[in-house]
C-alpha cells in the first residue's frame, strides 16, 4: 500500500508522509527542519506502549513518567533514530530494544540524573497514563507482551479516531458513540432492536449503518497497519493484523 495524503494525527506544524518509517527518517535527520515535529508525531504514537512497558516493569508512577520522557528526549538529543533500519524489522521492535538499553543505563546513574531534572519536552498525556495502563498492572504477562498489546490498541484507536472524524461529516454523526461498541465487537447487552428503539431508527437501518462502518473501520485499520510496514504487500498487512489481534487476545 502506498502513501496517501492524510497527515499523522496530532502532528504539529504540518503534514508528513503517512508511513511510520518516513517519520522515523525525518525525525532522525537533525538537518531536516521538520525533525522535531516528526519526533513529536512519533512520540504521540508510541509513548503509550513505551510507558506501559516501563510501568509494568515495576517502576513507580513518577519514575515511569520521568523515564518515558527521558527516553524520548534522548532520541532527539543523541540521534538514536539514525540507527533504525526498516530492513531489520518492525520499528516497534527497534524502539523496545532502545527502551531496554536506555533503562539499563539510566538505572546505573544518580536519581537526579536518571530523571533528567523533571524534563518535560514532549506533549505526553501522562496525567491519564495510569488510567491507560492500570488494567495491565495486574496482568501476569511480561512487560514485552504488555508493550505489544498497548501498541496494538494504539493502532485500533488511531483507526477509530479517523472513522469518527469521517463519520462527523455524515448522517451518522450524532449516533457514532452508540455504534462504536459494535465496531470492535463489544456490543455488550445492547441489541440491534434496543439500539433501533433508542435512536428512533429501524432495525434494518441500524444493521446497514453498522455494517458500513465496520467495513470502513477495517479499511482504516489496514491503512494504519500498512503505515507501520516498509513497502508492504496485502499479505504482509494480513499477517501483521493477525499477529496484533493474537497479541490482544492472549
Protein backbone atom coordinates (compact mmCIF):
# COMPACT_ATOMS: atom_id res chain seq x y z
CA UNK A 1 0.00 0.00 0.00
CA UNK A 2 1.44 3.37 -0.95
CA UNK A 3 1.43 6.63 0.90
CA UNK A 4 -1.70 8.76 0.81
CA UNK A 5 -2.50 12.37 1.56
CA UNK A 6 -3.66 12.29 5.18
CA UNK A 7 -1.33 13.57 7.88
CA UNK A 8 -0.42 11.89 11.12
CA UNK A 9 -2.97 12.67 13.81
CA UNK A 10 -1.76 15.28 16.26
CA UNK A 11 1.38 16.14 14.33
CA UNK A 12 2.07 19.84 14.82
CA UNK A 13 3.44 22.14 12.18
CA UNK A 14 2.25 20.40 9.03
CA UNK A 15 1.75 17.07 7.32
CA UNK A 16 4.09 14.14 6.86
CA UNK A 17 4.05 11.13 4.55
CA UNK A 18 1.86 8.60 6.30
CA UNK A 19 4.32 5.72 6.69
CA UNK A 20 5.87 5.49 10.13
CA UNK A 21 9.26 4.85 8.54
CA UNK A 22 9.01 8.19 6.73
CA UNK A 23 8.52 9.80 10.12
CA UNK A 24 11.48 7.90 11.51
CA UNK A 25 13.74 9.11 8.71
CA UNK A 26 12.61 12.71 9.17
CA UNK A 27 12.93 12.54 12.96
CA UNK A 28 16.42 11.06 12.76
CA UNK A 29 17.77 13.79 10.46
CA UNK A 30 18.65 16.80 12.61
CA UNK A 31 19.27 18.82 9.45
CA UNK A 32 15.64 18.39 8.45
CA UNK A 33 13.62 21.43 9.67
CA UNK A 34 10.71 19.08 10.32
CA UNK A 35 12.80 16.77 12.51
CA UNK A 36 11.34 17.90 15.83
CA UNK A 37 7.76 17.83 14.53
CA UNK A 38 8.31 14.32 13.15
CA UNK A 39 9.69 13.19 16.51
CA UNK A 40 6.70 14.74 18.27
CA UNK A 41 4.40 12.74 15.99
CA UNK A 42 6.29 9.50 16.68
CA UNK A 43 6.20 10.26 20.37
CA UNK A 44 2.41 10.67 20.31
CA UNK A 45 2.04 7.34 18.54
CA UNK A 46 4.44 5.23 20.59
CA UNK A 47 4.52 6.69 24.09
CA UNK A 48 1.52 4.65 25.37
CA UNK A 49 3.33 1.41 24.51
CA UNK A 50 6.63 2.68 25.94
CA UNK A 51 5.01 3.91 29.17
CA UNK A 52 3.09 0.65 29.55
CA UNK A 53 6.33 -1.29 29.23
CA UNK A 54 8.20 0.89 31.74
CA UNK A 55 5.35 0.92 34.26
CA UNK A 56 4.76 -2.83 34.06
CA UNK A 57 8.49 -3.41 34.62
CA UNK A 58 7.87 -2.47 38.29
CA UNK A 59 8.78 1.21 38.12
CA UNK A 60 6.59 3.51 40.20
CA UNK A 61 4.38 6.19 38.61
CA UNK A 62 6.78 9.13 38.94
CA UNK A 63 9.79 7.12 37.84
CA UNK A 64 7.91 5.64 34.86
CA UNK A 65 6.81 9.10 33.75
CA UNK A 66 10.32 10.51 34.02
CA UNK A 67 11.92 7.55 32.29
CA UNK A 68 9.43 7.78 29.42
CA UNK A 69 10.08 11.50 29.00
CA UNK A 70 13.82 10.98 29.29
CA UNK A 71 13.79 8.22 26.70
CA UNK A 72 12.12 10.34 24.05
CA UNK A 73 14.35 13.29 24.92
CA UNK A 74 17.37 11.07 24.30
CA UNK A 75 16.03 10.10 20.87
CA UNK A 76 16.14 13.78 19.97
CA UNK A 77 19.41 14.67 21.66
CA UNK A 78 21.52 11.60 20.78
CA UNK A 79 20.20 10.91 17.29
CA UNK A 80 19.49 7.24 18.08
CA UNK A 81 16.86 7.11 15.34
CA UNK A 82 19.60 7.23 12.73
CA UNK A 83 20.31 3.59 13.60
CA UNK A 84 16.76 2.49 12.75
CA UNK A 85 16.58 0.46 9.56
CA UNK A 86 13.33 -0.80 8.03
CA UNK A 87 15.20 -3.75 6.54
CA UNK A 88 15.87 -5.08 10.05
CA UNK A 89 12.23 -5.45 11.04
CA UNK A 90 9.42 -3.61 12.81
CA UNK A 91 10.11 -0.15 14.19
CA UNK A 92 8.34 -1.02 17.44
CA UNK A 93 10.88 -3.82 17.98
CA UNK A 94 13.74 -1.37 17.43
CA UNK A 95 12.10 1.08 19.83
CA UNK A 96 11.63 -1.56 22.51
CA UNK A 97 15.30 -2.54 22.29
CA UNK A 98 16.21 1.14 22.67
CA UNK A 99 13.96 1.49 25.72
CA UNK A 100 15.56 -1.52 27.41
CA UNK A 101 19.05 -0.19 26.71
CA UNK A 102 18.11 3.28 27.96
CA UNK A 103 16.61 2.00 31.21
CA UNK A 104 19.57 -0.29 31.90
CA UNK A 105 21.93 2.67 31.55
CA UNK A 106 19.76 5.12 33.46
CA UNK A 107 19.35 2.88 36.48
CA UNK A 108 23.12 2.97 36.95
CA UNK A 109 23.12 6.74 37.35
CA UNK A 110 22.24 9.05 40.19
CA UNK A 111 18.49 9.59 40.68
CA UNK A 112 18.52 13.26 39.66
CA UNK A 113 20.49 12.49 36.52
CA UNK A 114 18.32 9.49 35.72
CA UNK A 115 15.21 11.62 35.80
CA UNK A 116 16.68 14.43 33.77
CA UNK A 117 15.68 17.01 36.35
CA UNK A 118 11.98 16.55 35.62
CA UNK A 119 12.39 17.39 31.94
CA UNK A 120 9.11 17.67 30.02
CA UNK A 121 9.99 18.00 26.35
CA UNK A 122 7.09 16.21 24.71
CA UNK A 123 3.30 16.51 24.86
CA UNK A 124 2.64 13.20 26.59
CA UNK A 125 -0.74 12.75 28.25
CA UNK A 126 0.87 11.42 31.39
CA UNK A 127 -1.95 12.62 33.64
CA UNK A 128 -4.15 9.92 32.12
CA UNK A 129 -1.35 7.39 31.78
CA UNK A 130 -2.29 5.44 34.90
CA UNK A 131 -5.87 5.03 33.72
CA UNK A 132 -4.49 3.69 30.45
CA UNK A 133 -2.00 1.26 31.94
CA UNK A 134 -4.00 0.27 35.03
CA UNK A 135 -5.66 -2.85 33.56
CA UNK A 136 -2.23 -4.24 32.63
CA UNK A 137 -0.56 -3.88 36.03
CA UNK A 138 -2.37 -6.87 37.49
CA UNK A 139 -1.56 -8.90 34.38
CA UNK A 140 0.91 -11.72 34.88
CA UNK A 141 2.29 -11.33 31.36
CA UNK A 142 5.71 -9.90 30.62
CA UNK A 143 6.32 -6.17 30.08
CA UNK A 144 7.27 -7.04 26.48
CA UNK A 145 3.84 -8.59 25.85
CA UNK A 146 2.11 -5.64 27.51
CA UNK A 147 4.12 -3.30 25.26
CA UNK A 148 2.85 -5.21 22.20
CA UNK A 149 -0.74 -5.17 23.49
CA UNK A 150 -0.67 -1.46 24.12
CA UNK A 151 0.75 -0.83 20.66
CA UNK A 152 -1.97 -2.95 19.05
CA UNK A 153 -4.59 -0.97 20.96
CA UNK A 154 -2.99 2.28 19.80
CA UNK A 155 -3.46 1.22 16.17
CA UNK A 156 -7.10 0.37 16.83
CA UNK A 157 -7.61 3.74 18.49
CA UNK A 158 -5.98 5.52 15.56
CA UNK A 159 -8.35 3.81 13.12
CA UNK A 160 -11.39 4.52 15.31
CA UNK A 161 -10.43 8.18 15.66
CA UNK A 162 -10.15 8.53 11.88
CA UNK A 163 -13.51 6.78 11.44
CA UNK A 164 -15.13 9.11 13.96
CA UNK A 165 -13.72 12.13 12.13
CA UNK A 166 -15.12 10.83 8.84
CA UNK A 167 -18.48 9.99 10.40
CA UNK A 168 -18.75 13.51 11.81
CA UNK A 169 -19.37 14.63 8.22
CA UNK A 170 -22.08 12.05 7.59
CA UNK A 171 -25.70 11.47 8.59
CA UNK A 172 -24.50 9.10 11.32
CA UNK A 173 -22.52 11.79 13.14
CA UNK A 174 -24.75 12.05 16.21
CA UNK A 175 -25.06 8.27 16.51
CA UNK A 176 -21.37 7.29 16.35
CA UNK A 177 -20.98 6.89 20.11
CA UNK A 178 -23.86 4.39 20.05
CA UNK A 179 -22.41 2.48 17.09
CA UNK A 180 -18.81 2.41 18.31
CA UNK A 181 -19.11 -0.62 20.69
CA UNK A 182 -20.42 -2.73 17.81
CA UNK A 183 -17.42 -1.83 15.64
CA UNK A 184 -15.00 -3.55 17.99
CA UNK A 185 -17.33 -6.46 18.73
CA UNK A 186 -18.05 -5.09 22.20
CA UNK A 187 -21.77 -4.58 21.72
CA UNK A 188 -22.42 -5.75 25.24
CA UNK A 189 -26.02 -6.18 26.37
CA UNK A 190 -27.49 -3.76 23.83
CA UNK A 191 -29.18 -5.46 20.87
CA UNK A 192 -29.85 -4.05 17.43
CA UNK A 193 -33.52 -3.91 18.39
CA UNK A 194 -32.80 -1.91 21.54
CA UNK A 195 -30.48 0.42 19.68
CA UNK A 196 -33.06 0.97 16.95
CA UNK A 197 -35.64 1.89 19.58
CA UNK A 198 -33.26 4.23 21.41
CA UNK A 199 -32.25 6.03 18.20
CA UNK A 200 -35.70 6.01 16.61
CA UNK A 201 -34.37 4.08 13.63
CA UNK A 202 -35.47 0.84 12.02
CA UNK A 203 -33.55 -2.30 12.88
CA UNK A 204 -32.57 -2.91 9.22
CA UNK A 205 -31.21 0.65 9.04
CA UNK A 206 -29.14 0.03 12.17
CA UNK A 207 -27.70 -3.16 10.68
CA UNK A 208 -26.82 -1.43 7.40
CA UNK A 209 -25.17 1.51 9.18
CA UNK A 210 -23.07 -0.70 11.44
CA UNK A 211 -22.10 -2.97 8.54
CA UNK A 212 -20.85 0.02 6.54
CA UNK A 213 -18.97 1.46 9.49
CA UNK A 214 -17.36 -1.91 10.26
CA UNK A 215 -16.23 -2.25 6.67
CA UNK A 216 -14.75 1.25 6.68
CA UNK A 217 -13.15 0.65 10.08
CA UNK A 218 -11.50 -2.48 8.68
CA UNK A 219 -10.12 -0.50 5.74
CA UNK A 220 -8.78 2.24 8.01
CA UNK A 221 -7.16 -0.32 10.30
CA UNK A 222 -5.43 -1.87 7.30
CA UNK A 223 -4.11 1.59 6.40
CA UNK A 224 -2.84 2.17 9.93
CA UNK A 225 -1.08 -1.20 9.96
CA UNK A 226 0.36 -0.68 6.48
CA UNK A 227 1.85 2.62 7.65
CA UNK A 228 3.98 0.73 10.17
CA UNK A 229 5.50 -1.51 7.48
CA UNK A 230 8.06 -0.79 4.80
CA UNK A 231 6.57 -1.25 1.30
CA UNK A 232 4.06 -3.86 2.48
CA UNK A 233 2.07 -6.32 0.39
CA UNK A 234 -1.53 -7.23 1.22
CA UNK A 235 -0.22 -10.48 2.67
CA UNK A 236 2.18 -8.54 4.93
CA UNK A 237 -0.70 -6.45 6.25
CA UNK A 238 -2.85 -9.55 6.77
CA UNK A 239 -0.06 -11.22 8.75
CA UNK A 240 0.51 -8.15 10.91
CA UNK A 241 -3.20 -7.73 11.67
CA UNK A 242 -3.44 -11.41 12.58
CA UNK A 243 -0.45 -11.03 14.89
CA UNK A 244 -1.80 -7.91 16.58
CA UNK A 245 -5.17 -9.50 17.26
CA UNK A 246 -3.48 -12.62 18.59
CA UNK A 247 -1.48 -10.42 20.97
CA UNK A 248 -4.59 -8.61 22.17
CA UNK A 249 -6.38 -11.91 22.72
CA UNK A 250 -3.55 -13.54 24.65
